[in-house]
Structure formats: structure tokens, C-alpha cells
Amino acid sequence: MIDAATRLYCLFGNPARHSKGPVIHNAAFKDKDINAVYLAFEVQDAAGAAQAVRTLDIKGASVTIPFKESIMEHIDWIDPTARAIGAVNTIVNENGVLKGYNTDCQAAVAPLVPFGISGKTVCIVGAGGAARAVAHGIEAQNGDIIITNRTEQKGRALAETVNARFIPAEEMENIQADVIINTTSIGMTPKENEISFPPEALRSEMVVMDVVYTPLRTRLLEAAEQKGCTTIDGLSMFIAQAAAQFELWTGIIPDTDLMRNTIIND
């Protein structure tokens, strides 16, 4: 029951209304008997979002596209891993001190580990905050990284930080890779009819992963399935990073099976 003592947690992003964050975090709060509520806010700028945390005494926040990088200059302390990645997806408000973390990195790599990463060529589509987290995770696993991005300057900058090759977006059909990972919002509601990687460049021996989870079967994953590829949807990464956020906020490990089933049954 929401009352005057209810703690507020939230998501900052744009778009944000599609997010399943409120569904799983509120289910986890209820399951652990925590008097808290989680809401999604579609904001216009990182500075305003950070100020809202301070002004409203929001206890913690998830940060998503396109604010994972820009939020960093507006918070007080950044975890070394998040600083190395150059992106924050989690804010913890400790008595007015805003602390930034990144729970995407480990969450992105975990589903790929069973297929092997070391020595594999991994193509990352995108160069934003999610791409940075994924790239650092793949680099730590000794993968051979290719970065492709529509904005060349941003793509080359990320490639330099993780010792990767950069290939312009208009040359994606020539990419030869073992693993393809889409980290962009292409294919996500309301862009669900768009595809982030050319289907003609997919081969049956590839592993294709999409961090988008709304819809769960993006056009990229549908095309990959038709080509006989192994596919990994965005739900595994989403649940893993959200569970890590919940633990940072509360000190309690949530029931990830409950989180997954809550989304599936929503």
C-alpha cells in the first residue's frame, strides 16, 4: 500500500513508456515486502533528471537511452567500472549523495559465455551507453571486436577505447563475424518495424543477440531465426541488470524467476 513512507524509485529515459521496469521492480518490492514504488519517467535532459532525484529524494534510478553517458556529469560519485565504461545505468541516492554504477556490462556478457567469446569475432551495432558496456565486457573476455555505427565519429571513438575495428554502417553487409549484438534502440517500440543489421549478412553459424526486449522477438531476431542462427533475446540481459540494480538499492537479492515470469505474463 502506498503511503507517506513509501520510497520512490524510477527509470529515466526517452522513450520510456514501453519499459517493463515498473512491472518487475514493483513485483520484486511486493515479493520482498518493501514499501517502495518504481515509476518510469520520460525526461528531456540528464541535468533535470539528476536534479529531480535530489529534489524529490528519489532513492534510486535506472538510466536508459539516451542518458547513460550524459548523466555522468550530474552525479557525485561514479563506480570505477562505470567510469571505465563511460556509462551509468544505475543511480543510488545515499543521503543526498548520488552514486553511479553500471550493471549492464556483466549482464550483457553472461548469456554469451556458454557459446564462447575468447577468440570470436563479435560485431557490436551501436556506440552509445549500452554498446560501451557490452564492448568492455567482450574485451574482458578476449573477444575480437568490430564496432559499427551510423555516426562514424562516435563509433571510431568507442573502437579506440576497446582496441576494436570500426566499420561504417553503410558497409555492414560486408561484416564477417561470429556474434552480432544490437545495442541500439532500432527494433524497439515504437521502431519495431526497423531492423538494425542487414538480414543478407546473417549466416546460420552466427549467434545473434539483441538487447531490445520490447518486443521480445525483434525483426533482427526473426531474420536470424529464419537464417538458422542461434538467437538471444534481450530479456536475459534486462533481468540480470535489473536484479543487480535492485540489490544496489536495497541490499536484497530479488527473485529473478519471479521477475522473468512477471514480464512474460504481463
C-alpha atoms as a PDB file:
ATOM      1  CA  MET A   1       0.000   0.000   0.000  1.00  0.00           C
ATOM      2  CA  ILE A   2       1.362   3.409  -0.973  1.00  0.00           C
ATOM      3  CA  ASP A   3       1.557   5.838   1.938  1.00  0.00           C
ATOM      4  CA  ALA A   4       3.651   8.776   3.190  1.00  0.00           C
ATOM      5  CA  ALA A   5       6.565   6.452   3.975  1.00  0.00           C
ATOM      6  CA  THR A   6       6.699   4.845   0.513  1.00  0.00           C
ATOM      7  CA  ARG A   7      10.135   5.172  -1.094  1.00  0.00           C
ATOM      8  CA  LEU A   8      10.296   6.227  -4.732  1.00  0.00           C
ATOM      9  CA  TYR A   9      12.492   4.605  -7.386  1.00  0.00           C
ATOM     10  CA  CYS A  10      12.289   5.301 -11.090  1.00  0.00           C
ATOM     11  CA  LEU A  11      13.504   4.983 -14.654  1.00  0.00           C
ATOM     12  CA  PHE A  12      14.802   7.931 -16.680  1.00  0.00           C
ATOM     13  CA  GLY A  13      14.788   7.554 -20.458  1.00  0.00           C
ATOM     14  CA  ASN A  14      13.346   8.739 -23.737  1.00  0.00           C
ATOM     15  CA  PRO A  15      11.413   6.777 -24.848  1.00  0.00           C
ATOM     16  CA  ALA A  16      10.458   5.226 -21.516  1.00  0.00           C
ATOM     17  CA  ARG A  17       6.761   4.392 -21.601  1.00  0.00           C
ATOM     18  CA  HIS A  18       7.410   0.988 -23.182  1.00  0.00           C
ATOM     19  CA  SER A  19       9.615  -0.082 -20.265  1.00  0.00           C
ATOM     20  CA  LYS A  20       8.876  -3.200 -18.250  1.00  0.00           C
ATOM     21  CA  GLY A  21      10.991  -1.836 -15.404  1.00  0.00           C
ATOM     22  CA  PRO A  22       7.955  -0.842 -13.319  1.00  0.00           C
ATOM     23  CA  VAL A  23       6.463  -4.298 -13.810  1.00  0.00           C
ATOM     24  CA  ILE A  24       9.441  -6.252 -12.486  1.00  0.00           C
ATOM     25  CA  HIS A  25      10.703  -3.868  -9.815  1.00  0.00           C
ATOM     26  CA  ASN A  26       7.263  -3.356  -8.294  1.00  0.00           C
ATOM     27  CA  ALA A  27       6.742  -7.134  -8.283  1.00  0.00           C
ATOM     28  CA  ALA A  28      10.107  -7.550  -6.535  1.00  0.00           C
ATOM     29  CA  PHE A  29       9.283  -4.862  -3.959  1.00  0.00           C
ATOM     30  CA  LYS A  30       5.999  -6.609  -3.191  1.00  0.00           C
ATOM     31  CA  ASP A  31       7.672 -10.027  -3.025  1.00  0.00           C
ATOM     32  CA  LYS A  32      10.252  -8.769  -0.518  1.00  0.00           C
ATOM     33  CA  ASP A  33       7.669  -6.749   1.448  1.00  0.00           C
ATOM     34  CA  ILE A  34       9.437  -3.438   0.771  1.00  0.00           C
ATOM     35  CA  ASN A  35       7.383  -0.252   0.982  1.00  0.00           C
ATOM     36  CA  ALA A  36       8.514   1.255  -2.318  1.00  0.00           C
ATOM     37  CA  VAL A  37       7.237   2.068  -5.776  1.00  0.00           C
ATOM     38  CA  TYR A  38       9.024   2.280  -9.134  1.00  0.00           C
ATOM     39  CA  LEU A  39       7.823   4.582 -11.920  1.00  0.00           C
ATOM     40  CA  ALA A  40       9.002   5.377 -15.455  1.00  0.00           C
ATOM     41  CA  PHE A  41       9.675   8.994 -16.385  1.00  0.00           C
ATOM     42  CA  GLU A  42      10.175  10.154 -19.979  1.00  0.00           C
ATOM     43  CA  VAL A  43      12.573  13.052 -19.446  1.00  0.00           C
ATOM     44  CA  GLN A  44      14.192  15.576 -21.771  1.00  0.00           C
ATOM     45  CA  ASP A  45      17.648  16.045 -20.292  1.00  0.00           C
ATOM     46  CA  ALA A  46      20.087  14.411 -17.868  1.00  0.00           C
ATOM     47  CA  ALA A  47      20.592  17.519 -15.728  1.00  0.00           C
ATOM     48  CA  GLY A  48      16.896  17.782 -14.989  1.00  0.00           C
ATOM     49  CA  ALA A  49      16.677  14.082 -14.181  1.00  0.00           C
ATOM     50  CA  ALA A  50      19.531  14.275 -11.675  1.00  0.00           C
ATOM     51  CA  GLN A  51      18.007  17.362 -10.085  1.00  0.00           C
ATOM     52  CA  ALA A  52      14.693  15.536  -9.735  1.00  0.00           C
ATOM     53  CA  VAL A  53      16.430  12.767  -7.779  1.00  0.00           C
ATOM     54  CA  ARG A  54      17.796  15.346  -5.360  1.00  0.00           C
ATOM     55  CA  THR A  55      14.650  17.463  -5.107  1.00  0.00           C
ATOM     56  CA  LEU A  56      12.170  14.606  -4.708  1.00  0.00           C
ATOM     57  CA  ASP A  57      14.516  12.413  -2.651  1.00  0.00           C
ATOM     58  CA  ILE A  58      14.189   9.569  -5.156  1.00  0.00           C
ATOM     59  CA  LYS A  59      16.104   6.685  -3.563  1.00  0.00           C
ATOM     60  CA  GLY A  60      17.371   5.136  -6.784  1.00  0.00           C
ATOM     61  CA  ALA A  61      17.021   5.336 -10.543  1.00  0.00           C
ATOM     62  CA  SER A  62      17.583   3.303 -13.656  1.00  0.00           C
ATOM     63  CA  VAL A  63      19.047   5.263 -16.568  1.00  0.00           C
ATOM     64  CA  THR A  64      18.444   4.211 -20.152  1.00  0.00           C
ATOM     65  CA  ILE A  65      18.689   5.534 -23.723  1.00  0.00           C
ATOM     66  CA  PRO A  66      19.865   8.229 -24.380  1.00  0.00           C
ATOM     67  CA  PHE A  67      21.155   9.398 -20.976  1.00  0.00           C
ATOM     68  CA  LYS A  68      23.649   6.720 -19.838  1.00  0.00           C
ATOM     69  CA  GLU A  69      26.634   8.851 -20.788  1.00  0.00           C
ATOM     70  CA  SER A  70      25.319  12.395 -20.232  1.00  0.00           C
ATOM     71  CA  ILE A  71      24.036  11.630 -16.703  1.00  0.00           C
ATOM     72  CA  MET A  72      27.616  11.124 -15.504  1.00  0.00           C
ATOM     73  CA  GLU A  73      28.467  14.816 -15.221  1.00  0.00           C
ATOM     74  CA  HIS A  74      25.475  15.428 -12.961  1.00  0.00           C
ATOM     75  CA  ILE A  75      26.117  12.886 -10.201  1.00  0.00           C
ATOM     76  CA  ASP A  76      28.546  12.981  -7.287  1.00  0.00           C
ATOM     77  CA  TRP A  77      30.470   9.703  -7.408  1.00  0.00           C
ATOM     78  CA  ILE A  78      30.958   7.080 -10.117  1.00  0.00           C
ATOM     79  CA  ASP A  79      31.959   3.478  -9.582  1.00  0.00           C
ATOM     80  CA  PRO A  80      35.336   2.684 -11.241  1.00  0.00           C
ATOM     81  CA  THR A  81      33.776   0.103 -13.567  1.00  0.00           C
ATOM     82  CA  ALA A  82      31.136   2.561 -14.751  1.00  0.00           C
ATOM     83  CA  ARG A  83      33.801   5.237 -15.198  1.00  0.00           C
ATOM     84  CA  ALA A  84      35.946   2.893 -17.280  1.00  0.00           C
ATOM     85  CA  ILE A  85      32.942   2.010 -19.433  1.00  0.00           C
ATOM     86  CA  GLY A  86      31.904   5.639 -19.722  1.00  0.00           C
ATOM     87  CA  ALA A  87      28.254   4.977 -18.969  1.00  0.00           C
ATOM     88  CA  VAL A  88      25.984   4.817 -15.917  1.00  0.00           C
ATOM     89  CA  ASN A  89      22.697   2.907 -15.878  1.00  0.00           C
ATOM     90  CA  THR A  90      22.044   2.969 -12.126  1.00  0.00           C
ATOM     91  CA  ILE A  91      21.865   5.784  -9.574  1.00  0.00           C
ATOM     92  CA  VAL A  92      21.842   5.197  -5.833  1.00  0.00           C
ATOM     93  CA  ASN A  93      20.861   8.124  -3.618  1.00  0.00           C
ATOM     94  CA  GLU A  94      22.755   7.777  -0.332  1.00  0.00           C
ATOM     95  CA  ASN A  95      21.531  10.586   1.910  1.00  0.00           C
ATOM     96  CA  GLY A  96      21.697  13.132  -0.907  1.00  0.00           C
ATOM     97  CA  VAL A  97      24.921  11.827  -2.449  1.00  0.00           C
ATOM     98  CA  LEU A  98      24.193  10.439  -5.920  1.00  0.00           C
ATOM     99  CA  LYS A  99      26.317   7.424  -6.816  1.00  0.00           C
ATOM    100  CA  GLY A 100      26.525   5.968 -10.332  1.00  0.00           C
ATOM    101  CA  TYR A 101      27.012   2.327 -11.312  1.00  0.00           C
ATOM    102  CA  ASN A 102      26.843   0.173 -14.450  1.00  0.00           C
ATOM    103  CA  THR A 103      25.071  -3.178 -14.195  1.00  0.00           C
ATOM    104  CA  ASP A 104      24.877  -3.678 -17.980  1.00  0.00           C
ATOM    105  CA  CYS A 105      28.401  -4.975 -18.525  1.00  0.00           C
ATOM    106  CA  GLN A 106      28.253  -8.318 -16.731  1.00  0.00           C
ATOM    107  CA  ALA A 107      24.576  -8.768 -17.639  1.00  0.00           C
ATOM    108  CA  ALA A 108      25.342  -8.446 -21.358  1.00  0.00           C
ATOM    109  CA  VAL A 109      28.200 -10.922 -21.385  1.00  0.00           C
ATOM    110  CA  ALA A 110      26.603 -13.650 -19.242  1.00  0.00           C
ATOM    111  CA  PRO A 111      24.246 -15.049 -21.963  1.00  0.00           C
ATOM    112  CA  LEU A 112      27.168 -15.281 -24.430  1.00  0.00           C
ATOM    113  CA  VAL A 113      29.616 -17.109 -22.169  1.00  0.00           C
ATOM    114  CA  PRO A 114      28.168 -20.601 -22.907  1.00  0.00           C
ATOM    115  CA  PHE A 115      28.888 -20.053 -26.616  1.00  0.00           C
ATOM    116  CA  GLY A 116      32.469 -18.900 -26.019  1.00  0.00           C
ATOM    117  CA  ILE A 117      33.748 -15.373 -26.516  1.00  0.00           C
ATOM    118  CA  SER A 118      37.545 -15.630 -26.427  1.00  0.00           C
ATOM    119  CA  GLY A 119      38.936 -15.519 -29.950  1.00  0.00           C
ATOM    120  CA  LYS A 120      35.485 -14.985 -31.505  1.00  0.00           C
ATOM    121  CA  THR A 121      34.753 -12.000 -33.746  1.00  0.00           C
ATOM    122  CA  VAL A 122      31.961 -10.008 -32.139  1.00  0.00           C
ATOM    123  CA  CYS A 123      30.213  -7.223 -34.049  1.00  0.00           C
ATOM    124  CA  ILE A 124      28.557  -4.615 -31.842  1.00  0.00           C
ATOM    125  CA  VAL A 125      25.942  -2.459 -33.558  1.00  0.00           C
ATOM    126  CA  GLY A 126      25.838   0.958 -31.891  1.00  0.00           C
ATOM    127  CA  ALA A 127      28.172   3.166 -29.893  1.00  0.00           C
ATOM    128  CA  GLY A 128      26.017   4.514 -27.057  1.00  0.00           C
ATOM    129  CA  GLY A 129      25.990   3.657 -23.371  1.00  0.00           C
ATOM    130  CA  ALA A 130      24.781   0.078 -23.830  1.00  0.00           C
ATOM    131  CA  ALA A 131      27.381  -0.505 -26.557  1.00  0.00           C
ATOM    132  CA  ARG A 132      30.141   0.749 -24.273  1.00  0.00           C
ATOM    133  CA  ALA A 133      29.122  -1.672 -21.518  1.00  0.00           C
ATOM    134  CA  VAL A 134      28.875  -4.602 -23.921  1.00  0.00           C
ATOM    135  CA  ALA A 135      32.183  -3.749 -25.574  1.00  0.00           C
ATOM    136  CA  HIS A 136      34.060  -3.618 -22.274  1.00  0.00           C
ATOM    137  CA  GLY A 137      32.532  -6.951 -21.281  1.00  0.00           C
ATOM    138  CA  ILE A 138      33.559  -8.567 -24.552  1.00  0.00           C
ATOM    139  CA  GLU A 139      37.051  -7.074 -24.305  1.00  0.00           C
ATOM    140  CA  ALA A 140      37.445  -8.581 -20.825  1.00  0.00           C
ATOM    141  CA  GLN A 141      36.578 -11.980 -22.338  1.00  0.00           C
ATOM    142  CA  ASN A 142      39.227 -11.533 -25.076  1.00  0.00           C
ATOM    143  CA  GLY A 143      36.790 -11.239 -27.944  1.00  0.00           C
ATOM    144  CA  ASP A 144      37.830  -9.653 -31.268  1.00  0.00           C
ATOM    145  CA  ILE A 145      35.500  -6.659 -31.519  1.00  0.00           C
ATOM    146  CA  ILE A 146      34.041  -4.847 -34.525  1.00  0.00           C
ATOM    147  CA  ILE A 147      32.093  -1.630 -33.893  1.00  0.00           C
ATOM    148  CA  THR A 148      29.612  -0.393 -36.483  1.00  0.00           C
ATOM    149  CA  ASN A 149      27.583   2.768 -36.015  1.00  0.00           C
ATOM    150  CA  ARG A 150      25.681   5.336 -38.051  1.00  0.00           C
ATOM    151  CA  THR A 151      27.677   8.211 -36.528  1.00  0.00           C
ATOM    152  CA  GLU A 152      31.241   7.471 -37.584  1.00  0.00           C
ATOM    153  CA  GLN A 153      32.974   9.777 -35.108  1.00  0.00           C
ATOM    154  CA  LYS A 154      31.232   8.201 -32.132  1.00  0.00           C
ATOM    155  CA  GLY A 155      31.800   4.686 -33.454  1.00  0.00           C
ATOM    156  CA  ARG A 156      35.511   5.240 -34.033  1.00  0.00           C
ATOM    157  CA  ALA A 157      35.880   6.766 -30.565  1.00  0.00           C
ATOM    158  CA  LEU A 158      34.408   3.652 -28.931  1.00  0.00           C
ATOM    159  CA  ALA A 159      36.507   1.372 -31.140  1.00  0.00           C
ATOM    160  CA  GLU A 160      39.675   3.109 -29.962  1.00  0.00           C
ATOM    161  CA  THR A 161      38.815   2.603 -26.291  1.00  0.00           C
ATOM    162  CA  VAL A 162      38.374  -1.178 -26.626  1.00  0.00           C
ATOM    163  CA  ASN A 163      41.024  -1.890 -29.284  1.00  0.00           C
ATOM    164  CA  ALA A 164      38.343  -2.705 -31.863  1.00  0.00           C
ATOM    165  CA  ARG A 165      37.941  -2.285 -35.590  1.00  0.00           C
ATOM    166  CA  PHE A 166      35.400   0.218 -36.872  1.00  0.00           C
ATOM    167  CA  ILE A 167      33.268  -0.474 -39.934  1.00  0.00           C
ATOM    168  CA  PRO A 168      30.822   2.229 -41.164  1.00  0.00           C
ATOM    169  CA  ALA A 169      27.121   1.398 -41.019  1.00  0.00           C
ATOM    170  CA  GLU A 170      26.800   1.556 -44.802  1.00  0.00           C
ATOM    171  CA  GLU A 171      29.282  -1.339 -45.030  1.00  0.00           C
ATOM    172  CA  MET A 172      27.534  -3.636 -42.545  1.00  0.00           C
ATOM    173  CA  GLU A 173      26.628  -6.161 -45.237  1.00  0.00           C
ATOM    174  CA  ASN A 174      30.346  -6.953 -45.601  1.00  0.00           C
ATOM    175  CA  ILE A 175      30.917  -7.724 -41.918  1.00  0.00           C
ATOM    176  CA  GLN A 176      32.173 -11.216 -41.156  1.00  0.00           C
ATOM    177  CA  ALA A 177      31.557 -12.097 -37.511  1.00  0.00           C
ATOM    178  CA  ASP A 178      30.742 -14.999 -35.206  1.00  0.00           C
ATOM    179  CA  VAL A 179      28.469 -12.946 -32.968  1.00  0.00           C
ATOM    180  CA  ILE A 180      26.213  -9.966 -33.758  1.00  0.00           C
ATOM    181  CA  ILE A 181      24.909  -7.805 -30.902  1.00  0.00           C
ATOM    182  CA  ASN A 182      22.451  -4.965 -31.431  1.00  0.00           C
ATOM    183  CA  THR A 183      22.771  -2.348 -28.675  1.00  0.00           C
ATOM    184  CA  THR A 184      20.704   0.382 -30.356  1.00  0.00           C
ATOM    185  CA  SER A 185      17.013   1.246 -29.994  1.00  0.00           C
ATOM    186  CA  ILE A 186      16.388   0.128 -33.587  1.00  0.00           C
ATOM    187  CA  GLY A 187      13.709  -2.547 -33.461  1.00  0.00           C
ATOM    188  CA  MET A 188      12.360  -1.311 -30.118  1.00  0.00           C
ATOM    189  CA  THR A 189       8.853   0.031 -29.698  1.00  0.00           C
ATOM    190  CA  PRO A 190       7.932   2.378 -31.389  1.00  0.00           C
ATOM    191  CA  LYS A 191      10.583   1.417 -34.012  1.00  0.00           C
ATOM    192  CA  GLU A 192       9.631  -2.279 -34.021  1.00  0.00           C
ATOM    193  CA  ASN A 193       9.372  -2.418 -37.813  1.00  0.00           C
ATOM    194  CA  GLU A 194      13.011  -1.401 -38.266  1.00  0.00           C
ATOM    195  CA  ILE A 195      15.986  -3.757 -38.354  1.00  0.00           C
ATOM    196  CA  SER A 196      19.468  -2.985 -37.028  1.00  0.00           C
ATOM    197  CA  PHE A 197      21.583  -5.349 -39.169  1.00  0.00           C
ATOM    198  CA  PRO A 198      21.135  -6.415 -42.802  1.00  0.00           C
ATOM    199  CA  PRO A 199      19.478  -9.866 -42.970  1.00  0.00           C
ATOM    200  CA  GLU A 200      21.505 -10.787 -46.055  1.00  0.00           C
ATOM    201  CA  ALA A 201      24.677 -10.617 -43.958  1.00  0.00           C
ATOM    202  CA  LEU A 202      23.423 -13.195 -41.434  1.00  0.00           C
ATOM    203  CA  ARG A 203      24.748 -16.771 -41.589  1.00  0.00           C
ATOM    204  CA  SER A 204      23.435 -19.881 -39.877  1.00  0.00           C
ATOM    205  CA  GLU A 205      26.560 -20.352 -37.734  1.00  0.00           C
ATOM    206  CA  MET A 206      26.199 -16.903 -36.123  1.00  0.00           C
ATOM    207  CA  VAL A 207      24.982 -16.114 -32.618  1.00  0.00           C
ATOM    208  CA  VAL A 208      22.693 -13.061 -32.803  1.00  0.00           C
ATOM    209  CA  MET A 209      21.799 -11.109 -29.675  1.00  0.00           C
ATOM    210  CA  ASP A 210      19.502  -8.112 -29.326  1.00  0.00           C
ATOM    211  CA  VAL A 211      19.444  -6.042 -26.120  1.00  0.00           C
ATOM    212  CA  VAL A 212      15.955  -4.803 -27.055  1.00  0.00           C
ATOM    213  CA  TYR A 213      13.238  -6.642 -25.109  1.00  0.00           C
ATOM    214  CA  THR A 214      10.110  -4.787 -26.276  1.00  0.00           C
ATOM    215  CA  PRO A 215       9.184  -6.539 -28.445  1.00  0.00           C
ATOM    216  CA  LEU A 216      10.890  -9.723 -27.289  1.00  0.00           C
ATOM    217  CA  ARG A 217      11.213 -11.010 -30.864  1.00  0.00           C
ATOM    218  CA  THR A 218      12.626  -8.077 -32.801  1.00  0.00           C
ATOM    219  CA  ARG A 219      12.865  -8.053 -36.570  1.00  0.00           C
ATOM    220  CA  LEU A 220      16.577  -8.786 -36.213  1.00  0.00           C
ATOM    221  CA  LEU A 221      15.905 -11.923 -34.160  1.00  0.00           C
ATOM    222  CA  GLU A 222      13.151 -13.019 -36.531  1.00  0.00           C
ATOM    223  CA  ALA A 223      15.513 -12.661 -39.505  1.00  0.00           C
ATOM    224  CA  ALA A 224      18.253 -14.513 -37.620  1.00  0.00           C
ATOM    225  CA  GLU A 225      15.904 -17.378 -36.776  1.00  0.00           C
ATOM    226  CA  GLN A 226      14.926 -17.661 -40.433  1.00  0.00           C
ATOM    227  CA  LYS A 227      18.625 -17.974 -41.321  1.00  0.00           C
ATOM    228  CA  GLY A 228      19.120 -20.707 -38.711  1.00  0.00           C
ATOM    229  CA  CYS A 229      21.183 -18.563 -36.324  1.00  0.00           C
ATOM    230  CA  THR A 230      21.326 -19.069 -32.576  1.00  0.00           C
ATOM    231  CA  THR A 231      19.409 -16.158 -31.054  1.00  0.00           C
ATOM    232  CA  ILE A 232      19.487 -14.477 -27.648  1.00  0.00           C
ATOM    233  CA  ASP A 233      16.697 -12.052 -26.783  1.00  0.00           C
ATOM    234  CA  GLY A 234      17.048  -9.000 -24.573  1.00  0.00           C
ATOM    235  CA  LEU A 235      15.147 -10.407 -21.628  1.00  0.00           C
ATOM    236  CA  SER A 236      18.115 -12.264 -20.115  1.00  0.00           C
ATOM    237  CA  MET A 237      20.257  -9.131 -20.030  1.00  0.00           C
ATOM    238  CA  PHE A 238      17.356  -6.963 -18.862  1.00  0.00           C
ATOM    239  CA  ILE A 239      16.548  -9.228 -15.912  1.00  0.00           C
ATOM    240  CA  ALA A 240      20.211  -9.595 -14.909  1.00  0.00           C
ATOM    241  CA  GLN A 241      20.949  -5.868 -14.906  1.00  0.00           C
ATOM    242  CA  ALA A 242      17.658  -5.072 -13.129  1.00  0.00           C
ATOM    243  CA  ALA A 243      18.364  -7.645 -10.412  1.00  0.00           C
ATOM    244  CA  ALA A 244      21.772  -6.071  -9.822  1.00  0.00           C
ATOM    245  CA  GLN A 245      20.123  -2.639  -9.590  1.00  0.00           C
ATOM    246  CA  PHE A 246      17.604  -3.911  -7.051  1.00  0.00           C
ATOM    247  CA  GLU A 247      20.418  -5.283  -4.900  1.00  0.00           C
ATOM    248  CA  LEU A 248      22.320  -1.977  -5.067  1.00  0.00           C
ATOM    249  CA  TRP A 249      19.210  -0.096  -3.950  1.00  0.00           C
ATOM    250  CA  THR A 250      18.004  -2.430  -1.206  1.00  0.00           C
ATOM    251  CA  GLY A 251      20.837  -4.783  -0.275  1.00  0.00           C
ATOM    252  CA  ILE A 252      18.465  -7.658  -1.090  1.00  0.00           C
ATOM    253  CA  ILE A 253      18.830 -10.170  -3.943  1.00  0.00           C
ATOM    254  CA  PRO A 254      15.498 -10.375  -5.819  1.00  0.00           C
ATOM    255  CA  ASP A 255      13.851 -13.493  -7.208  1.00  0.00           C
ATOM    256  CA  THR A 256      14.888 -13.394 -10.877  1.00  0.00           C
ATOM    257  CA  ASP A 257      12.468 -16.190 -11.789  1.00  0.00           C
ATOM    258  CA  LEU A 258       9.662 -14.032 -10.420  1.00  0.00           C
ATOM    259  CA  MET A 259      10.929 -11.075 -12.458  1.00  0.00           C
ATOM    260  CA  ARG A 260      11.072 -13.116 -15.667  1.00  0.00           C
ATOM    261  CA  ASN A 261       7.651 -14.710 -15.176  1.00  0.00           C
ATOM    262  CA  THR A 262       6.135 -11.319 -14.331  1.00  0.00           C
ATOM    263  CA  ILE A 263       7.236  -9.927 -17.682  1.00  0.00           C
ATOM    264  CA  ILE A 264       6.223 -12.995 -19.645  1.00  0.00           C
ATOM    265  CA  ASN A 265       2.773 -12.998 -18.053  1.00  0.00           C
ATOM    266  CA  ASP A 266       2.270  -9.222 -18.218  1.00  0.00           C
END
